[in-house]
């Protein structure tokens, strides 16, 4: 299995906009990859968002080997994972993104399934 090391710039910009549109609630989605690049959002029906969390209905997830991980926003300026985030990261995929307010190039971080910071290069496909 290939662990993603890149993310498509238009997708990252879409994440920023979706996070802004959801504010002050959290935005949440799964990430789909093509090879080593994260290329798509996968929105799960029934996802519940609040000012504190985005809860996924994982039973709604399609059987898909291209799920790379997840993305969610933090309405605060902190892009760092909570203990609950880290626990979730270990259950699904290899890369998880947190996009914090103000939802821009400087306010997001990527993490591995252990909650450790990892790098994603932003590319134009």
Protein backbone atom coordinates (compact mmCIF):
# COMPACT_ATOMS: atom_id res chain seq x y z
CA UNK A 1 0.00 0.00 0.00
CA UNK A 2 1.32 3.44 -0.98
CA UNK A 3 1.23 6.09 1.75
CA UNK A 4 0.29 9.50 0.30
CA UNK A 5 3.02 12.15 0.31
CA UNK A 6 1.21 14.78 -1.80
CA UNK A 7 -2.11 16.60 -1.95
CA UNK A 8 -3.70 18.29 -4.95
CA UNK A 9 -3.77 22.10 -4.49
CA UNK A 10 -7.37 22.59 -5.73
CA UNK A 11 -8.48 19.89 -3.27
CA UNK A 12 -6.68 21.63 -0.40
CA UNK A 13 -8.35 24.91 -1.39
CA UNK A 14 -11.71 23.10 -1.41
CA UNK A 15 -10.98 21.91 2.15
CA UNK A 16 -10.29 25.52 3.19
CA UNK A 17 -13.59 26.68 1.67
CA UNK A 18 -15.63 23.81 3.13
CA UNK A 19 -14.11 24.54 6.55
CA UNK A 20 -14.99 28.24 6.24
CA UNK A 21 -18.54 27.38 5.15
CA UNK A 22 -19.00 25.06 8.15
CA UNK A 23 -17.57 27.50 10.73
CA UNK A 24 -18.21 27.57 13.70
CA UNK A 25 -19.01 23.87 13.24
CA UNK A 26 -16.37 21.35 12.27
CA UNK A 27 -16.17 20.14 8.70
CA UNK A 28 -15.30 16.47 8.21
CA UNK A 29 -14.70 14.14 5.28
CA UNK A 30 -12.58 11.21 4.22
CA UNK A 31 -9.69 11.55 1.81
CA UNK A 32 -9.31 9.48 -1.34
CA UNK A 33 -5.94 8.94 -3.03
CA UNK A 34 -4.62 8.08 -6.43
CA UNK A 35 -1.18 6.53 -5.95
CA UNK A 36 0.83 8.78 -3.65
CA UNK A 37 -1.45 11.83 -4.07
CA UNK A 38 -4.62 12.78 -2.18
CA UNK A 39 -7.03 13.80 -4.91
CA UNK A 40 -10.63 13.72 -3.63
CA UNK A 41 -12.97 14.25 -0.71
CA UNK A 42 -15.37 11.50 0.22
CA UNK A 43 -18.38 12.91 2.07
CA UNK A 44 -20.12 10.32 4.22
CA UNK A 45 -23.91 10.54 4.56
CA UNK A 46 -25.02 11.19 8.12
CA UNK A 47 -21.84 12.96 9.30
CA UNK A 48 -22.79 15.05 12.33
CA UNK A 49 -20.92 18.29 13.02
CA UNK A 50 -20.84 20.53 16.06
CA UNK A 51 -18.54 23.19 17.48
CA UNK A 52 -16.62 20.38 19.21
CA UNK A 53 -16.49 17.52 16.71
CA UNK A 54 -17.36 15.94 13.40
CA UNK A 55 -18.72 12.42 13.88
CA UNK A 56 -18.50 10.07 10.93
CA UNK A 57 -20.92 7.22 10.29
CA UNK A 58 -18.20 4.84 9.16
CA UNK A 59 -20.75 2.16 8.31
CA UNK A 60 -21.70 4.48 5.41
CA UNK A 61 -18.18 4.24 3.98
CA UNK A 62 -17.93 2.43 0.66
CA UNK A 63 -15.62 -0.54 0.39
CA UNK A 64 -12.74 1.41 -1.05
CA UNK A 65 -9.05 0.65 -0.94
CA UNK A 66 -8.24 4.21 -2.03
CA UNK A 67 -9.27 5.85 1.28
CA UNK A 68 -6.14 7.60 2.48
CA UNK A 69 -7.46 8.96 5.78
CA UNK A 70 -9.57 11.87 6.95
CA UNK A 71 -9.81 15.62 7.14
CA UNK A 72 -11.59 17.76 9.67
CA UNK A 73 -11.53 21.37 10.71
CA UNK A 74 -10.99 22.98 14.09
CA UNK A 75 -12.97 26.21 14.58
CA UNK A 76 -10.15 27.34 16.87
CA UNK A 77 -6.70 28.39 15.60
CA UNK A 78 -5.18 25.10 16.84
CA UNK A 79 -4.36 22.57 14.09
CA UNK A 80 -3.15 20.00 16.63
CA UNK A 81 -4.98 16.72 17.27
CA UNK A 82 -6.87 15.97 20.45
CA UNK A 83 -6.63 12.57 22.12
CA UNK A 84 -9.95 11.67 20.45
CA UNK A 85 -8.51 12.68 17.07
CA UNK A 86 -5.43 10.50 17.58
CA UNK A 87 -7.60 7.57 18.62
CA UNK A 88 -9.66 7.95 15.44
CA UNK A 89 -6.56 8.32 13.23
CA UNK A 90 -5.41 4.83 14.25
CA UNK A 91 -8.58 3.27 12.86
CA UNK A 92 -8.62 4.54 9.30
CA UNK A 93 -6.02 5.37 6.68
CA UNK A 94 -2.49 6.69 6.81
CA UNK A 95 -2.85 10.48 6.55
CA UNK A 96 -5.14 12.81 8.47
CA UNK A 97 -5.47 16.55 7.98
CA UNK A 98 -6.61 19.14 10.49
CA UNK A 99 -7.46 22.54 9.06
CA UNK A 100 -7.77 25.23 11.73
CA UNK A 101 -9.26 28.71 11.63
CA UNK A 102 -8.62 30.89 9.58
CA UNK A 103 -8.50 27.95 7.14
CA UNK A 104 -5.60 28.85 4.88
CA UNK A 105 -2.15 27.68 3.72
CA UNK A 106 -0.64 28.40 7.15
CA UNK A 107 -3.36 26.86 9.32
CA UNK A 108 -3.37 23.18 8.37
CA UNK A 109 -1.27 20.18 9.37
CA UNK A 110 -1.05 16.54 8.32
CA UNK A 111 -0.60 13.63 10.72
CA UNK A 112 0.05 9.91 10.45
CA UNK A 113 -2.12 7.27 12.10
CA UNK A 114 -0.17 7.69 15.38
CA UNK A 115 -0.90 11.42 15.49
CA UNK A 116 2.66 12.36 14.56
CA UNK A 117 3.19 15.31 12.25
CA UNK A 118 3.92 14.34 8.65
CA UNK A 119 4.59 16.26 5.47
CA UNK A 120 2.32 16.52 2.45
CA UNK A 121 3.66 18.33 -0.59
CA UNK A 122 1.07 20.52 -2.30
CA UNK A 123 1.04 19.79 -6.05
CA UNK A 124 -0.88 20.85 -9.15
CA UNK A 125 -2.32 17.88 -11.04
